[in-house]
C-alpha atoms as a PDB file:
ATOM      1  CA  UNK A   1       0.000   0.000   0.000  1.00  0.00           C
ATOM      2  CA  UNK A   2       2.745   2.449   0.967  1.00  0.00           C
ATOM      3  CA  UNK A   3       4.645   1.659  -2.205  1.00  0.00           C
ATOM      4  CA  UNK A   4       1.613   2.647  -4.285  1.00  0.00           C
ATOM      5  CA  UNK A   5       1.433   5.991  -2.505  1.00  0.00           C
ATOM      6  CA  UNK A   6       5.158   6.592  -3.122  1.00  0.00           C
ATOM      7  CA  UNK A   7       4.758   5.689  -6.818  1.00  0.00           C
ATOM      8  CA  UNK A   8       1.753   8.016  -7.111  1.00  0.00           C
ATOM      9  CA  UNK A   9       3.657  10.908  -5.516  1.00  0.00           C
ATOM     10  CA  UNK A  10       6.665  10.351  -7.787  1.00  0.00           C
ATOM     11  CA  UNK A  11       4.349  10.248 -10.830  1.00  0.00           C
ATOM     12  CA  UNK A  12       2.673  13.479  -9.742  1.00  0.00           C
ATOM     13  CA  UNK A  13       6.010  15.232  -9.248  1.00  0.00           C
ATOM     14  CA  UNK A  14       7.254  14.013 -12.630  1.00  0.00           C
ATOM     15  CA  UNK A  15       4.048  15.243 -14.266  1.00  0.00           C
ATOM     16  CA  UNK A  16       4.658  18.686 -12.810  1.00  0.00           C
ATOM     17  CA  UNK A  17       8.395  18.837 -13.574  1.00  0.00           C
ATOM     18  CA  UNK A  18       8.551  17.539 -17.168  1.00  0.00           C
ATOM     19  CA  UNK A  19       6.718  20.492 -18.824  1.00  0.00           C
ATOM     20  CA  UNK A  20       9.020  22.920 -16.980  1.00  0.00           C
ATOM     21  CA  UNK A  21      12.095  21.077 -18.228  1.00  0.00           C
ATOM     22  CA  UNK A  22      10.776  21.071 -21.803  1.00  0.00           C
ATOM     23  CA  UNK A  23      10.054  24.809 -21.660  1.00  0.00           C
ATOM     24  CA  UNK A  24      13.543  25.525 -20.303  1.00  0.00           C
ATOM     25  CA  UNK A  25      15.095  23.397 -23.070  1.00  0.00           C
ATOM     26  CA  UNK A  26      13.152  25.250 -25.772  1.00  0.00           C
ATOM     27  CA  UNK A  27      14.115  28.652 -24.357  1.00  0.00           C
ATOM     28  CA  UNK A  28      17.779  27.624 -24.205  1.00  0.00           C
ATOM     29  CA  UNK A  29      17.732  26.419 -27.812  1.00  0.00           C
ATOM     30  CA  UNK A  30      16.142  29.679 -28.959  1.00  0.00           C
ATOM     31  CA  UNK A  31      18.762  31.704 -27.072  1.00  0.00           C
ATOM     32  CA  UNK A  32      21.598  29.664 -28.624  1.00  0.00           C
ATOM     33  CA  UNK A  33      20.097  30.135 -32.096  1.00  0.00           C
ATOM     34  CA  UNK A  34      19.934  33.900 -31.604  1.00  0.00           C
ATOM     35  CA  UNK A  35      23.547  33.959 -30.389  1.00  0.00           C
ATOM     36  CA  UNK A  36      24.580  32.026 -33.516  1.00  0.00           C
ATOM     37  CA  UNK A  37      22.748  34.597 -35.662  1.00  0.00           C
ATOM     38  CA  UNK A  38      24.519  37.481 -33.900  1.00  0.00           C
ATOM     39  CA  UNK A  39      27.920  35.878 -34.428  1.00  0.00           C
ATOM     40  CA  UNK A  40      27.186  35.218 -38.106  1.00  0.00           C
ATOM     41  CA  UNK A  41      25.881  38.780 -38.539  1.00  0.00           C
ATOM     42  CA  UNK A  42      28.990  40.390 -37.031  1.00  0.00           C
ATOM     43  CA  UNK A  43      31.318  37.994 -38.868  1.00  0.00           C
ATOM     44  CA  UNK A  44      29.561  38.812 -42.150  1.00  0.00           C
ATOM     45  CA  UNK A  45      30.024  42.537 -41.545  1.00  0.00           C
ATOM     46  CA  UNK A  46      33.701  42.011 -40.785  1.00  0.00           C
ATOM     47  CA  UNK A  47      34.102  39.877 -43.923  1.00  0.00           C
ATOM     48  CA  UNK A  48      32.488  42.592 -46.063  1.00  0.00           C
ATOM     49  CA  UNK A  49      34.623  45.351 -44.540  1.00  0.00           C
ATOM     50  CA  UNK A  50      37.909  43.466 -44.876  1.00  0.00           C
ATOM     51  CA  UNK A  51      37.340  41.997 -48.352  1.00  0.00           C
ATOM     52  CA  UNK A  52      35.233  44.785 -49.859  1.00  0.00           C
ATOM     53  CA  UNK A  53      32.843  42.142 -51.209  1.00  0.00           C
ATOM     54  CA  UNK A  54      29.214  41.575 -50.308  1.00  0.00           C
ATOM     55  CA  UNK A  55      28.069  38.124 -49.244  1.00  0.00           C
ATOM     56  CA  UNK A  56      25.093  38.330 -51.596  1.00  0.00           C
ATOM     57  CA  UNK A  57      25.242  34.554 -52.007  1.00  0.00           C
ATOM     58  CA  UNK A  58      24.390  34.419 -48.299  1.00  0.00           C
ATOM     59  CA  UNK A  59      20.836  33.431 -49.163  1.00  0.00           C
ATOM     60  CA  UNK A  60      22.396  29.994 -49.540  1.00  0.00           C
ATOM     61  CA  UNK A  61      23.439  28.571 -46.155  1.00  0.00           C
ATOM     62  CA  UNK A  62      26.231  26.478 -47.684  1.00  0.00           C
ATOM     63  CA  UNK A  63      27.767  29.518 -49.421  1.00  0.00           C
ATOM     64  CA  UNK A  64      27.567  31.523 -46.193  1.00  0.00           C
ATOM     65  CA  UNK A  65      29.180  28.750 -44.153  1.00  0.00           C
ATOM     66  CA  UNK A  66      31.977  28.255 -46.675  1.00  0.00           C
ATOM     67  CA  UNK A  67      32.739  31.987 -46.961  1.00  0.00           C
ATOM     68  CA  UNK A  68      32.906  32.636 -43.216  1.00  0.00           C
ATOM     69  CA  UNK A  69      34.259  29.353 -41.857  1.00  0.00           C
ATOM     70  CA  UNK A  70      36.853  28.631 -44.550  1.00  0.00           C
ATOM     71  CA  UNK A  71      38.230  32.181 -44.293  1.00  0.00           C
ATOM     72  CA  UNK A  72      38.488  32.076 -40.490  1.00  0.00           C
ATOM     73  CA  UNK A  73      35.733  34.560 -39.626  1.00  0.00           C
ATOM     74  CA  UNK A  74      33.860  31.905 -37.627  1.00  0.00           C
ATOM     75  CA  UNK A  75      35.873  29.366 -35.647  1.00  0.00           C
ATOM     76  CA  UNK A  76      33.256  26.707 -34.844  1.00  0.00           C
ATOM     77  CA  UNK A  77      31.429  24.913 -37.633  1.00  0.00           C
ATOM     78  CA  UNK A  78      28.493  24.247 -35.272  1.00  0.00           C
ATOM     79  CA  UNK A  79      27.794  27.997 -35.305  1.00  0.00           C
ATOM     80  CA  UNK A  80      25.974  27.413 -38.594  1.00  0.00           C
ATOM     81  CA  UNK A  81      23.684  24.793 -37.035  1.00  0.00           C
ATOM     82  CA  UNK A  82      20.444  25.770 -35.303  1.00  0.00           C
ATOM     83  CA  UNK A  83      20.204  23.898 -31.970  1.00  0.00           C
ATOM     84  CA  UNK A  84      16.642  22.805 -32.825  1.00  0.00           C
ATOM     85  CA  UNK A  85      17.789  21.052 -35.995  1.00  0.00           C
ATOM     86  CA  UNK A  86      17.632  17.283 -36.014  1.00  0.00           C
ATOM     87  CA  UNK A  87      20.091  17.074 -38.911  1.00  0.00           C
ATOM     88  CA  UNK A  88      23.676  18.290 -38.629  1.00  0.00           C
ATOM     89  CA  UNK A  89      24.265  19.955 -41.995  1.00  0.00           C
ATOM     90  CA  UNK A  90      25.639  23.308 -40.768  1.00  0.00           C
ATOM     91  CA  UNK A  91      23.634  25.463 -43.181  1.00  0.00           C
ATOM     92  CA  UNK A  92      20.620  26.655 -41.169  1.00  0.00           C
ATOM     93  CA  UNK A  93      21.139  30.418 -41.528  1.00  0.00           C
ATOM     94  CA  UNK A  94      20.859  32.901 -44.391  1.00  0.00           C
ATOM     95  CA  UNK A  95      21.614  36.613 -44.693  1.00  0.00           C
ATOM     96  CA  UNK A  96      18.962  39.274 -45.177  1.00  0.00           C
ATOM     97  CA  UNK A  97      19.848  42.247 -47.391  1.00  0.00           C
ATOM     98  CA  UNK A  98      18.062  45.451 -48.286  1.00  0.00           C
ATOM     99  CA  UNK A  99      19.794  46.557 -51.448  1.00  0.00           C
ATOM    100  CA  UNK A 100      23.491  46.360 -50.593  1.00  0.00           C
ATOM    101  CA  UNK A 101      22.935  46.750 -46.840  1.00  0.00           C
ATOM    102  CA  UNK A 102      23.177  43.704 -44.605  1.00  0.00           C
ATOM    103  CA  UNK A 103      20.079  43.862 -42.408  1.00  0.00           C
ATOM    104  CA  UNK A 104      20.246  40.616 -40.446  1.00  0.00           C
ATOM    105  CA  UNK A 105      20.441  36.855 -40.328  1.00  0.00           C
ATOM    106  CA  UNK A 106      17.494  34.482 -40.626  1.00  0.00           C
ATOM    107  CA  UNK A 107      17.136  30.998 -39.167  1.00  0.00           C
ATOM    108  CA  UNK A 108      15.715  28.806 -41.911  1.00  0.00           C
ATOM    109  CA  UNK A 109      14.234  26.312 -39.416  1.00  0.00           C
ATOM    110  CA  UNK A 110      12.095  28.705 -37.404  1.00  0.00           C
ATOM    111  CA  UNK A 111      12.132  32.148 -39.071  1.00  0.00           C
ATOM    112  CA  UNK A 112       9.211  33.409 -36.979  1.00  0.00           C
ATOM    113  CA  UNK A 113      10.368  32.051 -33.626  1.00  0.00           C
ATOM    114  CA  UNK A 114      14.090  32.613 -33.767  1.00  0.00           C
ATOM    115  CA  UNK A 115      14.374  36.340 -34.430  1.00  0.00           C
ATOM    116  CA  UNK A 116      17.528  38.371 -33.954  1.00  0.00           C
ATOM    117  CA  UNK A 117      16.748  41.573 -32.007  1.00  0.00           C
END
């Protein structure tokens, strides 16, 4: 009898805790995605200033990754991977331009949820 009460209490506590853990995980992944976008944004600006060339091919995540990572502007390849992605392909971000002005970086997995401030 006592064991059933203990099991019921543990089940109740788990039922309360699991949604909180899932929410915290989602918030952490969103924060990491935004930090990746900031790093890519600043690295893209630096690339454009130093080389004098626009990353207009940045609408393609592979082009963006190759330009910044292969030239040493971003040190970690995982920077190009959104933490919510289930596939490690390192091409989850694209650049957003208005004319020749770099306006921001967009996460291709969750463009509405992962927004760079």
